[in-house]
Amino acid sequence: MVSACPSSGTKIFTCAKVLAGLKALVMKLSEYLELHGIKRGEFASSIGVTGGWITSLCDGSGWPSREVAERIARATEGAVTADDFLVLENPEARAC
């Protein structure tokens, strides 16, 4: 939802609108691996987890621990972060 400030006329965006826009900046792990031609098993070995765990992270059925999220961020040079595992369901319906 976008509205205008009554005093200045400046557009005001709700948090949900801003978060929806930021979603475009997110790079999912599966996208990163595909973009760089890295196989899930190879990536898993490089960060010390199983290939099955990487598959669950890529398909959204798993959630990384802080330690694993940090390893992923380091291995991807910050292209994939813990925030990239967040799922915003219908962000337009949420308010701050």
N, C-alpha and C. Protein backbone atom coordinates (compact mmCIF):
# COMPACT_ATOMS: atom_id res chain seq x y z
N MET A 1 0.83 -1.18 0.00
CA MET A 1 0.00 0.00 0.00
C MET A 1 0.88 1.25 0.00
N VAL A 2 0.56 2.20 -0.85
CA VAL A 2 1.30 3.46 -0.90
C VAL A 2 0.29 4.57 -0.64
N SER A 3 0.68 5.45 0.25
CA SER A 3 -0.16 6.61 0.52
C SER A 3 0.72 7.84 0.55
N ALA A 4 0.11 8.99 0.67
CA ALA A 4 0.88 10.24 0.69
C ALA A 4 0.83 10.87 2.08
N CYS A 5 1.95 11.43 2.46
CA CYS A 5 2.03 12.15 3.72
C CYS A 5 1.11 13.37 3.62
N PRO A 6 0.24 13.58 4.61
CA PRO A 6 -0.69 14.70 4.54
C PRO A 6 -0.02 16.07 4.49
N SER A 7 1.14 16.21 5.11
CA SER A 7 1.77 17.53 5.13
C SER A 7 2.68 17.80 3.95
N SER A 8 3.43 16.78 3.48
CA SER A 8 4.39 17.04 2.41
C SER A 8 3.99 16.45 1.06
N GLY A 9 3.06 15.51 1.06
CA GLY A 9 2.67 14.86 -0.18
C GLY A 9 3.64 13.77 -0.61
N THR A 10 4.69 13.54 0.18
CA THR A 10 5.67 12.51 -0.12
C THR A 10 5.02 11.14 -0.01
N LYS A 11 5.41 10.24 -0.90
CA LYS A 11 4.87 8.89 -0.85
C LYS A 11 5.37 8.18 0.40
N ILE A 12 4.48 7.46 1.05
CA ILE A 12 4.80 6.68 2.23
C ILE A 12 4.55 5.22 1.89
N PHE A 13 5.54 4.37 2.12
CA PHE A 13 5.40 2.95 1.83
C PHE A 13 5.27 2.18 3.13
N THR A 14 4.43 1.17 3.14
CA THR A 14 4.34 0.31 4.31
C THR A 14 5.55 -0.60 4.34
N CYS A 15 5.85 -1.16 5.51
CA CYS A 15 6.98 -2.08 5.63
C CYS A 15 6.82 -3.27 4.71
N ALA A 16 5.62 -3.77 4.56
CA ALA A 16 5.38 -4.93 3.69
C ALA A 16 5.78 -4.61 2.26
N LYS A 17 5.51 -3.41 1.80
CA LYS A 17 5.86 -3.00 0.44
C LYS A 17 7.38 -2.93 0.29
N VAL A 18 8.05 -2.38 1.28
CA VAL A 18 9.50 -2.28 1.23
C VAL A 18 10.12 -3.67 1.26
N LEU A 19 9.63 -4.56 2.13
CA LEU A 19 10.15 -5.91 2.21
C LEU A 19 9.94 -6.67 0.90
N ALA A 20 8.80 -6.47 0.28
CA ALA A 20 8.54 -7.12 -1.00
C ALA A 20 9.55 -6.66 -2.04
N GLY A 21 9.92 -5.40 -2.02
CA GLY A 21 10.92 -4.88 -2.95
C GLY A 21 12.30 -5.45 -2.67
N LEU A 22 12.62 -5.65 -1.41
CA LEU A 22 13.91 -6.21 -1.04
C LEU A 22 14.02 -7.68 -1.43
N LYS A 23 12.88 -8.35 -1.53
CA LYS A 23 12.88 -9.76 -1.89
C LYS A 23 13.58 -9.98 -3.22
N ALA A 24 13.54 -8.98 -4.09
CA ALA A 24 14.19 -9.08 -5.39
C ALA A 24 15.72 -9.16 -5.26
N LEU A 25 16.28 -8.70 -4.13
CA LEU A 25 17.72 -8.70 -3.92
C LEU A 25 18.23 -10.02 -3.36
N VAL A 26 17.32 -10.88 -2.96
CA VAL A 26 17.68 -12.15 -2.33
C VAL A 26 18.19 -13.13 -3.37
N MET A 27 19.30 -13.81 -3.06
CA MET A 27 19.76 -14.89 -3.92
C MET A 27 19.66 -16.17 -3.12
N LYS A 28 18.82 -17.04 -3.57
CA LYS A 28 18.65 -18.33 -2.93
C LYS A 28 19.86 -19.21 -3.20
N LEU A 29 20.11 -20.13 -2.30
CA LEU A 29 21.25 -21.03 -2.46
C LEU A 29 21.17 -21.81 -3.76
N SER A 30 19.99 -22.31 -4.10
CA SER A 30 19.85 -23.08 -5.34
C SER A 30 20.22 -22.23 -6.56
N GLU A 31 19.84 -20.95 -6.54
CA GLU A 31 20.18 -20.04 -7.65
C GLU A 31 21.68 -19.83 -7.73
N TYR A 32 22.30 -19.65 -6.56
CA TYR A 32 23.75 -19.43 -6.53
C TYR A 32 24.48 -20.64 -7.10
N LEU A 33 24.10 -21.83 -6.65
CA LEU A 33 24.77 -23.04 -7.11
C LEU A 33 24.60 -23.21 -8.62
N GLU A 34 23.40 -22.98 -9.11
CA GLU A 34 23.16 -23.10 -10.55
C GLU A 34 23.96 -22.07 -11.34
N LEU A 35 23.94 -20.83 -10.88
CA LEU A 35 24.65 -19.75 -11.56
C LEU A 35 26.14 -20.05 -11.68
N HIS A 36 26.71 -20.65 -10.65
CA HIS A 36 28.15 -20.91 -10.63
C HIS A 36 28.52 -22.33 -11.05
N GLY A 37 27.51 -23.11 -11.47
CA GLY A 37 27.79 -24.47 -11.94
C GLY A 37 28.34 -25.38 -10.86
N ILE A 38 27.88 -25.20 -9.62
CA ILE A 38 28.37 -25.99 -8.50
C ILE A 38 27.32 -27.06 -8.17
N LYS A 39 27.78 -28.30 -8.06
CA LYS A 39 26.88 -29.40 -7.70
C LYS A 39 26.62 -29.35 -6.19
N ARG A 40 25.40 -29.73 -5.82
CA ARG A 40 25.02 -29.67 -4.40
C ARG A 40 25.95 -30.50 -3.52
N GLY A 41 26.32 -31.68 -3.98
CA GLY A 41 27.21 -32.54 -3.20
C GLY A 41 28.58 -31.92 -2.99
N GLU A 42 29.10 -31.28 -4.03
CA GLU A 42 30.40 -30.60 -3.92
C GLU A 42 30.33 -29.46 -2.93
N PHE A 43 29.24 -28.67 -3.03
CA PHE A 43 29.10 -27.55 -2.11
C PHE A 43 28.95 -28.05 -0.68
N ALA A 44 28.16 -29.11 -0.51
CA ALA A 44 27.96 -29.69 0.82
C ALA A 44 29.29 -30.10 1.43
N SER A 45 30.12 -30.79 0.66
CA SER A 45 31.44 -31.21 1.15
C SER A 45 32.30 -30.02 1.54
N SER A 46 32.20 -28.96 0.76
CA SER A 46 33.04 -27.78 1.03
C SER A 46 32.67 -27.07 2.32
N ILE A 47 31.43 -27.24 2.79
CA ILE A 47 31.04 -26.57 4.04
C ILE A 47 30.79 -27.56 5.17
N GLY A 48 31.03 -28.85 4.92
CA GLY A 48 30.97 -29.85 5.98
C GLY A 48 29.57 -30.35 6.34
N VAL A 49 28.68 -30.41 5.37
CA VAL A 49 27.34 -30.98 5.60
C VAL A 49 27.06 -32.01 4.51
N THR A 50 25.93 -32.70 4.63
CA THR A 50 25.58 -33.71 3.63
C THR A 50 24.89 -33.08 2.42
N GLY A 51 24.94 -33.79 1.31
CA GLY A 51 24.24 -33.34 0.12
C GLY A 51 22.74 -33.26 0.35
N GLY A 52 22.21 -34.18 1.15
CA GLY A 52 20.78 -34.16 1.48
C GLY A 52 20.39 -32.90 2.23
N TRP A 53 21.29 -32.42 3.08
CA TRP A 53 21.00 -31.20 3.83
C TRP A 53 20.96 -30.00 2.89
N ILE A 54 21.86 -29.96 1.94
CA ILE A 54 21.85 -28.86 0.97
C ILE A 54 20.58 -28.92 0.13
N THR A 55 20.15 -30.11 -0.24
CA THR A 55 18.90 -30.25 -0.99
C THR A 55 17.73 -29.71 -0.17
N SER A 56 17.68 -30.02 1.12
CA SER A 56 16.58 -29.51 1.95
C SER A 56 16.64 -27.99 2.09
N LEU A 57 17.83 -27.42 2.11
CA LEU A 57 17.95 -25.96 2.16
C LEU A 57 17.50 -25.35 0.83
N CYS A 58 17.86 -26.01 -0.26
CA CYS A 58 17.50 -25.49 -1.58
C CYS A 58 16.01 -25.58 -1.86
N ASP A 59 15.36 -26.63 -1.37
CA ASP A 59 13.92 -26.75 -1.65
C ASP A 59 13.04 -26.11 -0.58
N GLY A 60 13.66 -25.52 0.43
CA GLY A 60 12.90 -24.79 1.45
C GLY A 60 12.36 -25.64 2.58
N SER A 61 12.71 -26.92 2.62
CA SER A 61 12.20 -27.76 3.70
C SER A 61 13.12 -27.78 4.91
N GLY A 62 14.29 -27.17 4.79
CA GLY A 62 15.24 -27.11 5.90
C GLY A 62 15.59 -25.68 6.26
N TRP A 63 16.09 -25.51 7.45
CA TRP A 63 16.51 -24.19 7.94
C TRP A 63 17.92 -24.34 8.49
N PRO A 64 18.88 -23.53 8.04
CA PRO A 64 20.26 -23.70 8.50
C PRO A 64 20.46 -23.22 9.93
N SER A 65 21.34 -23.91 10.64
CA SER A 65 21.76 -23.42 11.95
C SER A 65 22.59 -22.16 11.72
N ARG A 66 22.87 -21.45 12.77
CA ARG A 66 23.69 -20.24 12.63
C ARG A 66 25.06 -20.58 12.05
N GLU A 67 25.63 -21.68 12.54
CA GLU A 67 26.95 -22.09 12.08
C GLU A 67 26.94 -22.43 10.59
N VAL A 68 25.94 -23.17 10.15
CA VAL A 68 25.85 -23.53 8.73
C VAL A 68 25.58 -22.30 7.87
N ALA A 69 24.72 -21.41 8.35
CA ALA A 69 24.44 -20.17 7.61
C ALA A 69 25.72 -19.35 7.45
N GLU A 70 26.55 -19.31 8.49
CA GLU A 70 27.81 -18.58 8.40
C GLU A 70 28.75 -19.24 7.40
N ARG A 71 28.78 -20.58 7.38
CA ARG A 71 29.63 -21.29 6.41
C ARG A 71 29.16 -21.01 4.98
N ILE A 72 27.84 -21.01 4.79
CA ILE A 72 27.29 -20.73 3.46
C ILE A 72 27.65 -19.32 3.02
N ALA A 73 27.51 -18.36 3.93
CA ALA A 73 27.84 -16.97 3.60
C ALA A 73 29.32 -16.84 3.23
N ARG A 74 30.19 -17.50 3.98
CA ARG A 74 31.62 -17.44 3.67
C ARG A 74 31.92 -18.11 2.32
N ALA A 75 31.33 -19.29 2.11
CA ALA A 75 31.60 -20.04 0.88
C ALA A 75 31.08 -19.33 -0.36
N THR A 76 30.01 -18.55 -0.21
CA THR A 76 29.43 -17.83 -1.34
C THR A 76 29.89 -16.38 -1.38
N GLU A 77 30.86 -16.05 -0.55
CA GLU A 77 31.40 -14.69 -0.44
C GLU A 77 30.29 -13.66 -0.21
N GLY A 78 29.32 -14.05 0.62
CA GLY A 78 28.24 -13.13 1.00
C GLY A 78 27.08 -13.05 0.03
N ALA A 79 27.14 -13.82 -1.06
CA ALA A 79 26.04 -13.77 -2.03
C ALA A 79 24.77 -14.41 -1.46
N VAL A 80 24.94 -15.41 -0.59
CA VAL A 80 23.81 -16.07 0.07
C VAL A 80 24.02 -15.90 1.57
N THR A 81 23.05 -15.31 2.25
CA THR A 81 23.15 -15.08 3.68
C THR A 81 21.98 -15.75 4.40
N ALA A 82 21.99 -15.71 5.71
CA ALA A 82 20.90 -16.29 6.50
C ALA A 82 19.56 -15.65 6.12
N ASP A 83 19.57 -14.37 5.82
CA ASP A 83 18.34 -13.68 5.43
C ASP A 83 17.73 -14.27 4.16
N ASP A 84 18.57 -14.87 3.32
CA ASP A 84 18.08 -15.43 2.07
C ASP A 84 17.25 -16.70 2.26
N PHE A 85 17.24 -17.23 3.47
CA PHE A 85 16.43 -18.41 3.76
C PHE A 85 15.06 -18.03 4.31
N LEU A 86 14.85 -16.73 4.56
CA LEU A 86 13.55 -16.27 5.05
C LEU A 86 12.53 -16.34 3.93
N VAL A 87 11.33 -16.72 4.28
CA VAL A 87 10.25 -16.79 3.30
C VAL A 87 9.16 -15.83 3.75
N LEU A 88 8.86 -14.85 2.91
CA LEU A 88 7.79 -13.91 3.19
C LEU A 88 6.55 -14.38 2.45
N GLU A 89 5.58 -14.86 3.20
CA GLU A 89 4.34 -15.31 2.59
C GLU A 89 3.39 -14.13 2.52
N ASN A 90 2.99 -13.77 1.32
CA ASN A 90 2.07 -12.68 1.07
C ASN A 90 2.46 -11.42 1.85
N PRO A 91 3.61 -10.82 1.57
CA PRO A 91 4.06 -9.65 2.31
C PRO A 91 3.12 -8.46 2.23
N GLU A 92 2.31 -8.39 1.19
CA GLU A 92 1.37 -7.27 1.05
C GLU A 92 0.31 -7.29 2.15
N ALA A 93 0.04 -8.46 2.70
CA ALA A 93 -1.02 -8.58 3.71
C ALA A 93 -0.52 -8.24 5.11
N ARG A 94 0.79 -8.10 5.27
CA ARG A 94 1.34 -7.83 6.60
C ARG A 94 1.54 -6.34 6.82
N ALA A 95 1.37 -5.94 8.03
CA ALA A 95 1.62 -4.54 8.40
C ALA A 95 2.72 -4.51 9.45
N CYS A 96 3.35 -3.35 9.63
CA CYS A 96 4.42 -3.21 10.63
C CYS A 96 3.84 -3.22 12.02
